[in-house]
């Protein structure tokens, strides 16, 4: 998990299994955080949580800036290149340099040159496939 350190302190977290935990201490580095949770007092308690994904309910997450989107909001959106139908977003993929939308066999990078517009109300993303294909 990579998380903004400011989001970690004192926040209540939801584990994948649905168990809510309160973070009481953070140490380590951004890449290898060491976290202590309330009620997790033994090595065995900590080992039981290893590899679990920490989640925050969307309604408790920080507000998004203009032009930012939640991955789950993009999944299922139609992808077009002008009038040409490209496909549907299956998932968002984290690449080393950026995130990308998986649409069929294509990975469309979430960068300004590739994405013309995102209309969440209409569930449509307009992309420049010329940029994606390198033409």
N, C-alpha and C. Protein backbone atom coordinates (compact mmCIF):
# COMPACT_ATOMS: atom_id res chain seq x y z
N UNK A 1 0.85 -1.18 0.00
CA UNK A 1 0.00 0.00 0.00
C UNK A 1 0.89 1.23 0.00
N UNK A 2 0.61 2.14 -0.86
CA UNK A 2 1.25 3.44 -0.80
C UNK A 2 0.20 4.42 -0.38
N UNK A 3 0.44 5.09 0.72
CA UNK A 3 -0.55 6.05 1.21
C UNK A 3 0.15 7.34 1.58
N UNK A 4 -0.55 8.42 1.39
CA UNK A 4 -0.05 9.72 1.80
C UNK A 4 0.06 9.71 3.31
N UNK A 5 1.26 9.99 3.87
CA UNK A 5 1.43 9.96 5.32
C UNK A 5 0.42 10.81 6.08
N UNK A 6 -0.03 11.93 5.48
CA UNK A 6 -1.00 12.79 6.16
C UNK A 6 -2.34 12.08 6.34
N UNK A 7 -2.63 11.11 5.49
CA UNK A 7 -3.89 10.40 5.60
C UNK A 7 -3.85 9.33 6.69
N UNK A 8 -2.67 8.97 7.13
CA UNK A 8 -2.54 7.85 8.05
C UNK A 8 -2.81 8.20 9.51
N UNK A 9 -2.33 9.32 10.00
CA UNK A 9 -2.37 9.60 11.42
C UNK A 9 -3.79 9.73 11.97
N UNK A 10 -4.09 8.91 12.98
CA UNK A 10 -5.35 9.00 13.71
C UNK A 10 -6.59 8.64 12.91
N UNK A 11 -6.43 8.11 11.73
CA UNK A 11 -7.58 7.79 10.88
C UNK A 11 -8.05 6.37 11.20
N UNK A 12 -9.34 6.19 11.12
CA UNK A 12 -9.92 4.86 11.27
C UNK A 12 -9.90 4.19 9.90
N UNK A 13 -9.43 2.96 9.84
CA UNK A 13 -9.28 2.26 8.58
C UNK A 13 -10.20 1.06 8.53
N UNK A 14 -10.55 0.65 7.34
CA UNK A 14 -11.38 -0.51 7.11
C UNK A 14 -10.53 -1.52 6.36
N UNK A 15 -10.34 -2.70 6.95
CA UNK A 15 -9.61 -3.75 6.26
C UNK A 15 -10.54 -4.46 5.29
N UNK A 16 -9.96 -5.17 4.32
CA UNK A 16 -10.74 -5.87 3.32
C UNK A 16 -11.80 -6.77 3.97
N UNK A 17 -11.46 -7.40 5.07
CA UNK A 17 -12.39 -8.31 5.74
C UNK A 17 -13.53 -7.55 6.41
N UNK A 18 -13.53 -6.24 6.36
CA UNK A 18 -14.60 -5.45 6.94
C UNK A 18 -14.35 -5.03 8.38
N UNK A 19 -13.21 -5.34 8.92
CA UNK A 19 -12.86 -4.97 10.29
C UNK A 19 -12.29 -3.56 10.31
N UNK A 20 -12.83 -2.71 11.18
CA UNK A 20 -12.34 -1.34 11.29
C UNK A 20 -11.24 -1.29 12.35
N UNK A 21 -10.17 -0.60 12.03
CA UNK A 21 -9.05 -0.43 12.95
C UNK A 21 -8.70 1.05 13.06
N UNK A 22 -8.19 1.45 14.21
CA UNK A 22 -7.75 2.83 14.41
C UNK A 22 -6.23 2.83 14.47
N UNK A 23 -5.62 3.65 13.61
CA UNK A 23 -4.17 3.78 13.57
C UNK A 23 -3.71 4.61 14.76
N UNK A 24 -2.76 4.07 15.55
CA UNK A 24 -2.27 4.80 16.71
C UNK A 24 -0.83 5.27 16.55
N UNK A 25 -0.09 4.67 15.61
CA UNK A 25 1.30 5.09 15.40
C UNK A 25 1.75 4.73 14.00
N UNK A 26 2.57 5.61 13.44
CA UNK A 26 3.17 5.37 12.12
C UNK A 26 4.65 5.64 12.21
N UNK A 27 5.45 4.72 11.67
CA UNK A 27 6.90 4.89 11.61
C UNK A 27 7.36 4.30 10.27
N UNK A 28 8.65 4.17 10.10
CA UNK A 28 9.17 3.63 8.85
C UNK A 28 9.21 4.67 7.76
N UNK A 29 9.19 4.20 6.53
CA UNK A 29 9.26 5.09 5.37
C UNK A 29 7.96 5.02 4.58
N UNK A 30 7.85 5.88 3.59
CA UNK A 30 6.66 5.87 2.73
C UNK A 30 6.55 4.53 2.00
N UNK A 31 7.67 3.99 1.54
CA UNK A 31 7.67 2.74 0.81
C UNK A 31 7.46 1.54 1.73
N UNK A 32 7.93 1.63 2.96
CA UNK A 32 7.81 0.53 3.92
C UNK A 32 7.32 1.07 5.26
N UNK A 33 6.04 1.43 5.31
CA UNK A 33 5.52 1.98 6.57
C UNK A 33 5.40 0.91 7.64
N UNK A 34 5.57 1.33 8.87
CA UNK A 34 5.34 0.48 10.03
C UNK A 34 4.16 1.10 10.76
N UNK A 35 3.08 0.36 10.85
CA UNK A 35 1.85 0.89 11.40
C UNK A 35 1.46 0.13 12.66
N UNK A 36 0.94 0.86 13.65
CA UNK A 36 0.41 0.23 14.86
C UNK A 36 -1.06 0.58 14.96
N UNK A 37 -1.87 -0.45 15.20
CA UNK A 37 -3.31 -0.27 15.31
C UNK A 37 -3.78 -0.59 16.72
N UNK A 38 -4.79 0.15 17.14
CA UNK A 38 -5.42 -0.09 18.43
C UNK A 38 -5.92 -1.53 18.49
N UNK A 39 -5.64 -2.20 19.61
CA UNK A 39 -6.10 -3.58 19.77
C UNK A 39 -5.21 -4.61 19.13
N UNK A 40 -4.14 -4.19 18.49
CA UNK A 40 -3.20 -5.10 17.86
C UNK A 40 -1.92 -5.03 18.69
N UNK A 41 -1.84 -5.89 19.71
CA UNK A 41 -0.77 -5.73 20.70
C UNK A 41 0.31 -6.80 20.65
N UNK A 42 0.14 -7.83 19.85
CA UNK A 42 1.16 -8.87 19.80
C UNK A 42 1.68 -9.04 18.37
N UNK A 43 2.81 -9.71 18.27
CA UNK A 43 3.40 -10.00 16.96
C UNK A 43 2.42 -10.84 16.13
N UNK A 44 1.73 -11.78 16.78
CA UNK A 44 0.77 -12.63 16.08
C UNK A 44 -0.39 -11.80 15.53
N UNK A 45 -0.87 -10.81 16.31
CA UNK A 45 -1.94 -9.92 15.84
C UNK A 45 -1.48 -9.19 14.58
N UNK A 46 -0.24 -8.70 14.62
CA UNK A 46 0.31 -7.95 13.48
C UNK A 46 0.49 -8.86 12.27
N UNK A 47 1.02 -10.04 12.48
CA UNK A 47 1.23 -10.98 11.36
C UNK A 47 -0.09 -11.34 10.69
N UNK A 48 -1.17 -11.42 11.47
CA UNK A 48 -2.48 -11.76 10.90
C UNK A 48 -2.97 -10.69 9.93
N UNK A 49 -2.47 -9.46 10.07
CA UNK A 49 -2.88 -8.36 9.20
C UNK A 49 -1.96 -8.19 7.99
N UNK A 50 -0.80 -8.85 7.99
CA UNK A 50 0.17 -8.68 6.91
C UNK A 50 -0.49 -8.93 5.55
N UNK A 51 -0.28 -8.02 4.63
CA UNK A 51 -0.79 -8.15 3.27
C UNK A 51 -2.23 -7.70 3.09
N UNK A 52 -2.90 -7.35 4.18
CA UNK A 52 -4.28 -6.87 4.06
C UNK A 52 -4.30 -5.48 3.45
N UNK A 53 -5.29 -5.23 2.63
CA UNK A 53 -5.44 -3.91 2.03
C UNK A 53 -6.21 -3.01 2.99
N UNK A 54 -5.69 -1.82 3.22
CA UNK A 54 -6.39 -0.84 4.04
C UNK A 54 -7.25 0.02 3.14
N UNK A 55 -8.47 0.25 3.55
CA UNK A 55 -9.39 1.05 2.75
C UNK A 55 -10.05 2.09 3.64
N UNK A 56 -10.43 3.18 3.02
CA UNK A 56 -11.20 4.22 3.68
C UNK A 56 -12.50 4.35 2.89
N UNK A 57 -13.65 4.34 3.55
CA UNK A 57 -14.89 4.55 2.81
C UNK A 57 -14.83 5.86 2.02
N UNK A 58 -15.35 5.87 0.80
CA UNK A 58 -15.27 7.03 -0.08
C UNK A 58 -15.78 8.29 0.61
N UNK A 59 -16.86 8.17 1.38
CA UNK A 59 -17.41 9.35 2.04
C UNK A 59 -16.48 9.92 3.11
N UNK A 60 -15.49 9.15 3.56
CA UNK A 60 -14.53 9.63 4.55
C UNK A 60 -13.20 10.06 3.91
N UNK A 61 -13.05 9.83 2.63
CA UNK A 61 -11.80 10.17 1.94
C UNK A 61 -11.73 11.67 1.68
N UNK A 62 -10.51 12.18 1.52
CA UNK A 62 -10.36 13.61 1.20
C UNK A 62 -11.03 13.94 -0.13
N UNK A 63 -11.48 15.17 -0.27
CA UNK A 63 -12.11 15.61 -1.52
C UNK A 63 -11.10 15.56 -2.66
N UNK A 64 -11.59 15.24 -3.84
CA UNK A 64 -10.73 15.20 -5.03
C UNK A 64 -10.59 16.60 -5.62
N UNK A 65 -9.46 16.84 -6.23
CA UNK A 65 -9.23 18.09 -6.95
C UNK A 65 -9.92 18.00 -8.31
N UNK A 66 -10.08 19.14 -8.97
CA UNK A 66 -10.63 19.16 -10.32
C UNK A 66 -9.77 18.29 -11.23
N UNK A 67 -10.38 17.45 -12.02
CA UNK A 67 -9.64 16.59 -12.94
C UNK A 67 -9.17 15.29 -12.31
N UNK A 68 -9.50 15.04 -11.04
CA UNK A 68 -9.16 13.78 -10.39
C UNK A 68 -10.41 12.92 -10.28
N UNK A 69 -10.21 11.60 -10.37
CA UNK A 69 -11.33 10.68 -10.36
C UNK A 69 -10.98 9.45 -9.54
N UNK A 70 -11.98 8.84 -8.94
CA UNK A 70 -11.79 7.56 -8.28
C UNK A 70 -11.77 6.48 -9.35
N UNK A 71 -10.89 5.51 -9.20
CA UNK A 71 -10.79 4.41 -10.17
C UNK A 71 -12.13 3.72 -10.36
N UNK A 72 -12.87 3.50 -9.26
CA UNK A 72 -14.15 2.79 -9.39
C UNK A 72 -15.18 3.59 -10.19
N UNK A 73 -15.02 4.91 -10.27
CA UNK A 73 -15.93 5.73 -11.07
C UNK A 73 -15.65 5.59 -12.57
N UNK A 74 -14.42 5.24 -12.93
CA UNK A 74 -14.05 5.12 -14.34
C UNK A 74 -14.36 3.74 -14.91
N UNK A 75 -14.36 2.72 -14.04
CA UNK A 75 -14.65 1.35 -14.50
C UNK A 75 -16.08 1.31 -15.04
N UNK A 76 -16.21 0.75 -16.23
CA UNK A 76 -17.52 0.65 -16.87
C UNK A 76 -17.84 1.80 -17.80
N UNK A 77 -17.03 2.85 -17.80
CA UNK A 77 -17.26 3.98 -18.71
C UNK A 77 -16.97 3.56 -20.16
N UNK A 78 -17.79 4.06 -21.09
CA UNK A 78 -17.52 3.88 -22.51
C UNK A 78 -16.33 4.74 -22.88
N UNK A 79 -15.48 4.22 -23.74
CA UNK A 79 -14.32 4.97 -24.21
C UNK A 79 -14.50 5.18 -25.71
N UNK A 80 -14.37 6.45 -26.12
CA UNK A 80 -14.53 6.81 -27.53
C UNK A 80 -13.33 7.63 -27.98
N UNK A 81 -13.11 7.65 -29.29
CA UNK A 81 -12.13 8.54 -29.90
C UNK A 81 -12.94 9.36 -30.90
N UNK A 82 -13.45 10.50 -30.41
CA UNK A 82 -14.37 11.29 -31.23
C UNK A 82 -15.66 10.51 -31.41
N UNK A 83 -15.97 10.14 -32.66
CA UNK A 83 -17.18 9.37 -32.95
C UNK A 83 -16.93 7.86 -32.94
N UNK A 84 -15.67 7.46 -32.85
CA UNK A 84 -15.30 6.04 -32.92
C UNK A 84 -15.38 5.38 -31.54
N UNK A 85 -16.10 4.29 -31.45
CA UNK A 85 -16.25 3.52 -30.21
C UNK A 85 -14.99 2.68 -30.00
N UNK A 86 -14.35 2.80 -28.83
CA UNK A 86 -13.13 2.05 -28.53
C UNK A 86 -13.43 0.84 -27.66
N UNK A 87 -14.24 1.01 -26.64
CA UNK A 87 -14.57 -0.09 -25.73
C UNK A 87 -15.03 0.43 -24.39
N UNK A 88 -14.88 -0.40 -23.36
CA UNK A 88 -15.32 -0.08 -22.01
C UNK A 88 -14.15 -0.28 -21.05
N UNK A 89 -14.03 0.62 -20.08
CA UNK A 89 -12.95 0.51 -19.09
C UNK A 89 -13.20 -0.71 -18.21
N UNK A 90 -12.24 -1.64 -18.22
CA UNK A 90 -12.33 -2.83 -17.38
C UNK A 90 -11.76 -2.57 -15.99
N UNK A 91 -10.67 -1.80 -15.96
CA UNK A 91 -10.02 -1.47 -14.68
C UNK A 91 -8.96 -0.41 -14.91
N UNK A 92 -8.49 0.15 -13.80
CA UNK A 92 -7.38 1.09 -13.87
C UNK A 92 -6.13 0.33 -13.41
N UNK A 93 -5.04 0.53 -14.12
CA UNK A 93 -3.79 -0.18 -13.86
C UNK A 93 -2.73 0.85 -13.45
N UNK A 94 -2.01 0.55 -12.38
CA UNK A 94 -0.91 1.43 -11.96
C UNK A 94 0.36 1.02 -12.70
N UNK A 95 0.85 1.92 -13.55
CA UNK A 95 2.12 1.70 -14.26
C UNK A 95 3.22 2.47 -13.53
N UNK A 96 4.47 2.21 -13.84
CA UNK A 96 5.54 2.94 -13.14
C UNK A 96 5.48 4.46 -13.29
N UNK A 97 5.02 4.95 -14.46
CA UNK A 97 5.04 6.39 -14.68
C UNK A 97 3.68 7.07 -14.53
N UNK A 98 2.60 6.29 -14.60
CA UNK A 98 1.25 6.87 -14.51
C UNK A 98 0.24 5.74 -14.35
N UNK A 99 -1.02 6.11 -14.17
CA UNK A 99 -2.08 5.12 -14.20
C UNK A 99 -2.57 5.01 -15.64
N UNK A 100 -3.18 3.88 -15.95
CA UNK A 100 -3.70 3.67 -17.30
C UNK A 100 -5.05 2.97 -17.20
N UNK A 101 -5.89 3.19 -18.20
CA UNK A 101 -7.17 2.51 -18.30
C UNK A 101 -7.00 1.28 -19.17
N UNK A 102 -7.47 0.14 -18.69
CA UNK A 102 -7.45 -1.07 -19.50
C UNK A 102 -8.77 -1.13 -20.26
N UNK A 103 -8.65 -1.05 -21.57
CA UNK A 103 -9.82 -1.07 -22.45
C UNK A 103 -9.56 -2.13 -23.52
N UNK A 104 -10.19 -3.28 -23.38
CA UNK A 104 -9.88 -4.40 -24.27
C UNK A 104 -8.42 -4.76 -24.14
N UNK A 105 -7.69 -4.80 -25.26
CA UNK A 105 -6.26 -5.12 -25.24
C UNK A 105 -5.39 -3.88 -25.06
N UNK A 106 -6.01 -2.71 -25.02
CA UNK A 106 -5.26 -1.45 -24.96
C UNK A 106 -5.11 -0.95 -23.54
N UNK A 107 -3.98 -0.31 -23.28
CA UNK A 107 -3.76 0.45 -22.05
C UNK A 107 -3.68 1.91 -22.45
N UNK A 108 -4.60 2.71 -21.95
CA UNK A 108 -4.66 4.13 -22.29
C UNK A 108 -4.15 4.92 -21.09
N UNK A 109 -2.99 5.58 -21.24
CA UNK A 109 -2.43 6.31 -20.09
C UNK A 109 -3.31 7.49 -19.68
N UNK A 110 -3.43 7.68 -18.38
CA UNK A 110 -4.20 8.82 -17.88
C UNK A 110 -3.30 10.05 -17.83
N UNK A 111 -3.03 10.58 -19.03
CA UNK A 111 -2.23 11.80 -19.18
C UNK A 111 -3.01 12.76 -20.07
N UNK A 112 -2.74 14.04 -19.93
CA UNK A 112 -3.49 15.06 -20.67
C UNK A 112 -3.48 14.85 -22.18
N UNK A 113 -2.36 14.41 -22.73
CA UNK A 113 -2.27 14.22 -24.18
C UNK A 113 -3.16 13.08 -24.68
N UNK A 114 -3.47 12.12 -23.83
CA UNK A 114 -4.27 10.97 -24.25
C UNK A 114 -5.75 11.13 -23.94
N UNK A 115 -6.08 11.84 -22.88
CA UNK A 115 -7.47 11.97 -22.44
C UNK A 115 -8.00 13.35 -22.82
N UNK A 116 -8.98 13.38 -23.71
CA UNK A 116 -9.59 14.67 -24.10
C UNK A 116 -10.57 15.14 -23.04
N UNK A 117 -11.44 14.22 -22.59
CA UNK A 117 -12.44 14.60 -21.59
C UNK A 117 -12.96 13.37 -20.87
N UNK A 118 -13.45 13.61 -19.66
CA UNK A 118 -14.10 12.58 -18.86
C UNK A 118 -15.44 13.15 -18.43
N UNK A 119 -16.52 12.47 -18.80
CA UNK A 119 -17.87 12.87 -18.42
C UNK A 119 -18.46 11.74 -17.59
N UNK A 120 -18.35 11.87 -16.25
CA UNK A 120 -18.83 10.82 -15.38
C UNK A 120 -20.35 10.68 -15.43
N UNK A 121 -21.06 11.79 -15.61
CA UNK A 121 -22.53 11.72 -15.68
C UNK A 121 -22.98 10.88 -16.87
N UNK A 122 -22.31 11.01 -17.99
CA UNK A 122 -22.66 10.24 -19.19
C UNK A 122 -21.88 8.93 -19.26
N UNK A 123 -20.93 8.73 -18.33
CA UNK A 123 -20.06 7.54 -18.32
C UNK A 123 -19.30 7.38 -19.63
N UNK A 124 -18.71 8.50 -20.10
CA UNK A 124 -17.98 8.51 -21.37
C UNK A 124 -16.62 9.17 -21.18
N UNK A 125 -15.60 8.52 -21.71
CA UNK A 125 -14.24 9.09 -21.72
C UNK A 125 -13.81 9.21 -23.17
N UNK A 126 -13.47 10.43 -23.59
CA UNK A 126 -13.01 10.68 -24.96
C UNK A 126 -11.49 10.69 -24.95
N UNK A 127 -10.89 9.85 -25.77
CA UNK A 127 -9.44 9.70 -25.81
C UNK A 127 -8.89 10.00 -27.20
N UNK A 128 -7.61 10.26 -27.26
CA UNK A 128 -6.91 10.46 -28.53
C UNK A 128 -6.10 9.21 -28.82
N UNK A 129 -6.67 8.28 -29.58
CA UNK A 129 -5.98 7.01 -29.88
C UNK A 129 -4.75 7.24 -30.74
N UNK A 130 -4.69 8.36 -31.46
CA UNK A 130 -3.48 8.70 -32.22
C UNK A 130 -2.30 8.87 -31.27
N UNK A 131 -2.52 9.50 -30.14
CA UNK A 131 -1.47 9.65 -29.14
C UNK A 131 -1.12 8.29 -28.55
N UNK A 132 -2.14 7.52 -28.23
CA UNK A 132 -1.94 6.20 -27.60
C UNK A 132 -1.17 5.29 -28.53
N UNK A 133 -1.54 5.27 -29.81
CA UNK A 133 -0.90 4.38 -30.79
C UNK A 133 0.44 4.94 -31.29
N UNK A 134 0.76 6.20 -30.95
CA UNK A 134 2.02 6.80 -31.36
C UNK A 134 2.00 7.33 -32.78
N UNK A 135 0.84 7.64 -33.30
CA UNK A 135 0.77 8.17 -34.67
C UNK A 135 0.91 9.66 -34.69
